[in-house]
Amino acid sequence: MRRHLPRFATAVRQRPDRGSTAVFVVIFSLALFLLAGLLVDGGAAMNARLRAGDIAEQGARAAADTIDEDELRASGTIRIRDEAAACGRARRVVGAHKEAKAQMTRCNVTGGNRVDVSVEIKWNAILLSVIGINEGTMSAEVSAGPETGD
């Protein structure tokens, strides 16, 4: 006598897509890791760029503060006294930021009363180093000069 099994108790058939969930999980995990790397390391790069701008601004302001006071009093003309002294002052301000690994790459006095300072900061990748992006450099250039007013 043949027994009839209820429909729900039939044997499970092998499907051709067996294991596809594991492949999906692996690919999705890699994509999430890459996205997290872009967020974390991209944020570090943006922070380095902003920090370079801040340090360059401080250096340019310090350099622009080296005006020739005697000429200002005598003729009312604002002029940077000495380019070497101005850039030396900017270099000291930038050098004080050792924790940021900041380097001044350029310092020029333009027009006799404006100072241009460029700063570079290196940043290290945390998550993207897995795919070969280990570090980067961000730079900023800032101009500063004394203001004339009443």
C-alpha atoms as a PDB file:
ATOM      1  CA  MET A   1       0.000   0.000   0.000  1.00  0.00           C
ATOM      2  CA  ARG A   2       1.296   3.324  -0.975  1.00  0.00           C
ATOM      3  CA  ARG A   3       1.221   6.189   1.499  1.00  0.00           C
ATOM      4  CA  HIS A   4       0.424   9.628   0.288  1.00  0.00           C
ATOM      5  CA  LEU A   5       2.420  12.398   1.833  1.00  0.00           C
ATOM      6  CA  PRO A   6       0.782  15.724   2.368  1.00  0.00           C
ATOM      7  CA  ARG A   7       1.892  18.437  -0.058  1.00  0.00           C
ATOM      8  CA  PHE A   8       3.878  20.392   2.495  1.00  0.00           C
ATOM      9  CA  ALA A   9       6.031  17.379   3.307  1.00  0.00           C
ATOM     10  CA  THR A  10       7.404  16.919  -0.204  1.00  0.00           C
ATOM     11  CA  ALA A  11      11.126  16.704  -0.601  1.00  0.00           C
ATOM     12  CA  VAL A  12      13.114  19.961  -0.970  1.00  0.00           C
ATOM     13  CA  ARG A  13      14.420  20.365  -4.484  1.00  0.00           C
ATOM     14  CA  GLN A  14      17.892  21.749  -5.179  1.00  0.00           C
ATOM     15  CA  ARG A  15      17.730  25.219  -6.712  1.00  0.00           C
ATOM     16  CA  PRO A  16      20.357  26.510  -9.126  1.00  0.00           C
ATOM     17  CA  ASP A  17      20.772  29.785  -7.174  1.00  0.00           C
ATOM     18  CA  ARG A  18      22.017  28.040  -4.056  1.00  0.00           C
ATOM     19  CA  GLY A  19      24.864  30.091  -2.446  1.00  0.00           C
ATOM     20  CA  SER A  20      23.991  33.324  -4.216  1.00  0.00           C
ATOM     21  CA  THR A  21      23.210  34.976  -0.885  1.00  0.00           C
ATOM     22  CA  ALA A  22      26.775  34.393   0.281  1.00  0.00           C
ATOM     23  CA  VAL A  23      28.143  36.048  -2.858  1.00  0.00           C
ATOM     24  CA  PHE A  24      25.787  38.988  -2.352  1.00  0.00           C
ATOM     25  CA  VAL A  25      26.879  39.391   1.282  1.00  0.00           C
ATOM     26  CA  VAL A  26      30.568  39.399   0.327  1.00  0.00           C
ATOM     27  CA  ILE A  27      30.109  41.972  -2.456  1.00  0.00           C
ATOM     28  CA  PHE A  28      27.841  44.135  -0.311  1.00  0.00           C
ATOM     29  CA  SER A  29      30.351  44.005   2.577  1.00  0.00           C
ATOM     30  CA  LEU A  30      33.169  45.135   0.286  1.00  0.00           C
ATOM     31  CA  ALA A  31      31.039  47.995  -1.027  1.00  0.00           C
ATOM     32  CA  LEU A  32      30.195  49.086   2.533  1.00  0.00           C
ATOM     33  CA  PHE A  33      33.861  48.943   3.522  1.00  0.00           C
ATOM     34  CA  LEU A  34      34.799  51.103   0.526  1.00  0.00           C
ATOM     35  CA  LEU A  35      32.054  53.583   1.371  1.00  0.00           C
ATOM     36  CA  ALA A  36      33.209  53.750   4.990  1.00  0.00           C
ATOM     37  CA  GLY A  37      36.766  54.354   3.750  1.00  0.00           C
ATOM     38  CA  LEU A  38      35.603  57.206   1.566  1.00  0.00           C
ATOM     39  CA  LEU A  39      33.735  58.753   4.478  1.00  0.00           C
ATOM     40  CA  VAL A  40      36.496  58.387   7.068  1.00  0.00           C
ATOM     41  CA  ASP A  41      39.503  59.129   4.875  1.00  0.00           C
ATOM     42  CA  GLY A  42      37.650  61.719   2.807  1.00  0.00           C
ATOM     43  CA  GLY A  43      36.832  63.504   6.041  1.00  0.00           C
ATOM     44  CA  ALA A  44      40.502  63.366   7.039  1.00  0.00           C
ATOM     45  CA  ALA A  45      41.464  64.890   3.674  1.00  0.00           C
ATOM     46  CA  MET A  46      38.923  67.689   4.027  1.00  0.00           C
ATOM     47  CA  ASN A  47      40.121  68.350   7.568  1.00  0.00           C
ATOM     48  CA  ALA A  48      43.720  68.574   6.326  1.00  0.00           C
ATOM     49  CA  ARG A  49      42.715  71.096   3.667  1.00  0.00           C
ATOM     50  CA  LEU A  50      40.876  73.284   6.171  1.00  0.00           C
ATOM     51  CA  ARG A  51      43.780  73.029   8.609  1.00  0.00           C
ATOM     52  CA  ALA A  52      46.233  74.049   5.857  1.00  0.00           C
ATOM     53  CA  GLY A  53      44.083  77.097   5.137  1.00  0.00           C
ATOM     54  CA  ASP A  54      43.971  78.082   8.802  1.00  0.00           C
ATOM     55  CA  ILE A  55      47.732  77.742   9.234  1.00  0.00           C
ATOM     56  CA  ALA A  56      48.457  79.611   5.983  1.00  0.00           C
ATOM     57  CA  GLU A  57      46.139  82.404   7.110  1.00  0.00           C
ATOM     58  CA  GLN A  58      47.922  82.725  10.455  1.00  0.00           C
ATOM     59  CA  GLY A  59      51.301  82.810   8.711  1.00  0.00           C
ATOM     60  CA  ALA A  60      50.179  85.400   6.161  1.00  0.00           C
ATOM     61  CA  ARG A  61      48.727  87.635   8.868  1.00  0.00           C
ATOM     62  CA  ALA A  62      51.917  87.445  10.897  1.00  0.00           C
ATOM     63  CA  ALA A  63      53.992  88.290   7.816  1.00  0.00           C
ATOM     64  CA  ALA A  64      51.708  91.163   6.814  1.00  0.00           C
ATOM     65  CA  ASP A  65      52.150  92.653  10.258  1.00  0.00           C
ATOM     66  CA  THR A  66      55.773  93.558   9.463  1.00  0.00           C
ATOM     67  CA  ILE A  67      54.988  96.939   7.907  1.00  0.00           C
ATOM     68  CA  ASP A  68      57.454  99.788   7.734  1.00  0.00           C
ATOM     69  CA  GLU A  69      56.099 101.985  10.529  1.00  0.00           C
ATOM     70  CA  ASP A  70      58.475 104.891   9.827  1.00  0.00           C
ATOM     71  CA  GLU A  71      57.263 105.158   6.220  1.00  0.00           C
ATOM     72  CA  LEU A  72      53.655 104.847   7.344  1.00  0.00           C
ATOM     73  CA  ARG A  73      54.090 107.764   9.767  1.00  0.00           C
ATOM     74  CA  ALA A  74      56.041 109.887   7.301  1.00  0.00           C
ATOM     75  CA  SER A  75      54.027 109.395   4.114  1.00  0.00           C
ATOM     76  CA  GLY A  76      50.948 107.362   5.004  1.00  0.00           C
ATOM     77  CA  THR A  77      52.058 104.609   2.617  1.00  0.00           C
ATOM     78  CA  ILE A  78      51.746 101.037   3.809  1.00  0.00           C
ATOM     79  CA  ARG A  79      54.667  98.876   2.758  1.00  0.00           C
ATOM     80  CA  ILE A  80      56.107  95.593   3.996  1.00  0.00           C
ATOM     81  CA  ARG A  81      59.499  96.462   5.456  1.00  0.00           C
ATOM     82  CA  ASP A  82      61.513  93.397   4.492  1.00  0.00           C
ATOM     83  CA  GLU A  83      60.361  90.372   2.486  1.00  0.00           C
ATOM     84  CA  ALA A  84      62.876  88.059   4.152  1.00  0.00           C
ATOM     85  CA  ALA A  85      61.762  89.146   7.633  1.00  0.00           C
ATOM     86  CA  ALA A  86      58.090  88.829   6.693  1.00  0.00           C
ATOM     87  CA  CYS A  87      58.550  85.326   5.276  1.00  0.00           C
ATOM     88  CA  GLY A  88      60.704  84.369   8.254  1.00  0.00           C
ATOM     89  CA  ARG A  89      57.868  85.362  10.545  1.00  0.00           C
ATOM     90  CA  ALA A  90      55.393  83.330   8.486  1.00  0.00           C
ATOM     91  CA  ARG A  91      57.794  80.349   8.566  1.00  0.00           C
ATOM     92  CA  ARG A  92      57.958  80.522  12.385  1.00  0.00           C
ATOM     93  CA  VAL A  93      54.160  80.581  12.675  1.00  0.00           C
ATOM     94  CA  VAL A  94      53.767  77.625  10.285  1.00  0.00           C
ATOM     95  CA  GLY A  95      56.615  75.759  12.002  1.00  0.00           C
ATOM     96  CA  ALA A  96      54.834  76.076  15.336  1.00  0.00           C
ATOM     97  CA  HIS A  97      52.196  73.631  14.023  1.00  0.00           C
ATOM     98  CA  LYS A  98      54.322  70.484  14.212  1.00  0.00           C
ATOM     99  CA  GLU A  99      51.352  68.303  15.165  1.00  0.00           C
ATOM    100  CA  ALA A 100      49.689  69.090  11.825  1.00  0.00           C
ATOM    101  CA  LYS A 101      52.826  68.234   9.794  1.00  0.00           C
ATOM    102  CA  ALA A 102      52.463  71.591   8.049  1.00  0.00           C
ATOM    103  CA  GLN A 103      55.089  72.846   5.605  1.00  0.00           C
ATOM    104  CA  MET A 104      55.254  76.297   4.078  1.00  0.00           C
ATOM    105  CA  THR A 105      55.853  75.842   0.361  1.00  0.00           C
ATOM    106  CA  ARG A 106      55.806  79.476  -0.772  1.00  0.00           C
ATOM    107  CA  CYS A 107      55.960  82.987   0.630  1.00  0.00           C
ATOM    108  CA  ASN A 108      55.978  86.108  -1.562  1.00  0.00           C
ATOM    109  CA  VAL A 109      55.425  89.780  -0.961  1.00  0.00           C
ATOM    110  CA  THR A 110      53.347  91.184  -3.823  1.00  0.00           C
ATOM    111  CA  GLY A 111      52.823  94.840  -4.535  1.00  0.00           C
ATOM    112  CA  GLY A 112      54.868  95.785  -1.508  1.00  0.00           C
ATOM    113  CA  ASN A 113      51.909  95.432   0.821  1.00  0.00           C
ATOM    114  CA  ARG A 114      50.454  91.914   0.418  1.00  0.00           C
ATOM    115  CA  VAL A 115      51.907  88.589   1.495  1.00  0.00           C
ATOM    116  CA  ASP A 116      51.028  85.278  -0.196  1.00  0.00           C
ATOM    117  CA  VAL A 117      51.646  82.130   1.863  1.00  0.00           C
ATOM    118  CA  SER A 118      51.135  78.534   0.698  1.00  0.00           C
ATOM    119  CA  VAL A 119      51.014  75.615   3.127  1.00  0.00           C
ATOM    120  CA  GLU A 120      50.857  71.847   2.565  1.00  0.00           C
ATOM    121  CA  ILE A 121      49.678  69.221   5.039  1.00  0.00           C
ATOM    122  CA  LYS A 122      50.072  65.479   4.609  1.00  0.00           C
ATOM    123  CA  TRP A 123      47.308  63.165   5.819  1.00  0.00           C
ATOM    124  CA  ASN A 124      47.371  59.398   6.276  1.00  0.00           C
ATOM    125  CA  ALA A 125      44.599  57.087   5.119  1.00  0.00           C
ATOM    126  CA  ILE A 126      43.117  54.631   7.580  1.00  0.00           C
ATOM    127  CA  LEU A 127      40.666  52.448   5.669  1.00  0.00           C
ATOM    128  CA  LEU A 128      41.601  53.210   2.067  1.00  0.00           C
ATOM    129  CA  SER A 129      45.150  51.954   2.659  1.00  0.00           C
ATOM    130  CA  VAL A 130      43.701  48.489   2.021  1.00  0.00           C
ATOM    131  CA  ILE A 131      43.270  49.405  -1.662  1.00  0.00           C
ATOM    132  CA  GLY A 132      46.602  51.220  -1.938  1.00  0.00           C
ATOM    133  CA  ILE A 133      45.698  54.808  -1.031  1.00  0.00           C
ATOM    134  CA  ASN A 134      48.039  55.400   1.901  1.00  0.00           C
ATOM    135  CA  GLU A 135      48.379  59.161   2.132  1.00  0.00           C
ATOM    136  CA  GLY A 136      47.691  62.443   0.444  1.00  0.00           C
ATOM    137  CA  THR A 137      48.669  66.083   0.512  1.00  0.00           C
ATOM    138  CA  MET A 138      46.335  69.031   0.827  1.00  0.00           C
ATOM    139  CA  SER A 139      47.423  72.596   0.269  1.00  0.00           C
ATOM    140  CA  ALA A 140      46.071  76.099   0.683  1.00  0.00           C
ATOM    141  CA  GLU A 141      47.229  79.532  -0.417  1.00  0.00           C
ATOM    142  CA  VAL A 142      46.251  82.694   1.432  1.00  0.00           C
ATOM    143  CA  SER A 143      46.968  86.386   0.861  1.00  0.00           C
ATOM    144  CA  ALA A 144      46.996  88.959   3.650  1.00  0.00           C
ATOM    145  CA  GLY A 145      47.828  92.614   3.926  1.00  0.00           C
ATOM    146  CA  PRO A 146      47.352  95.482   6.303  1.00  0.00           C
ATOM    147  CA  GLU A 147      44.058  97.353   6.060  1.00  0.00           C
ATOM    148  CA  THR A 148      43.943 101.086   5.669  1.00  0.00           C
ATOM    149  CA  GLY A 149      41.174 102.929   7.397  1.00  0.00           C
ATOM    150  CA  ASP A 150      40.181 106.039   9.265  1.00  0.00           C
END
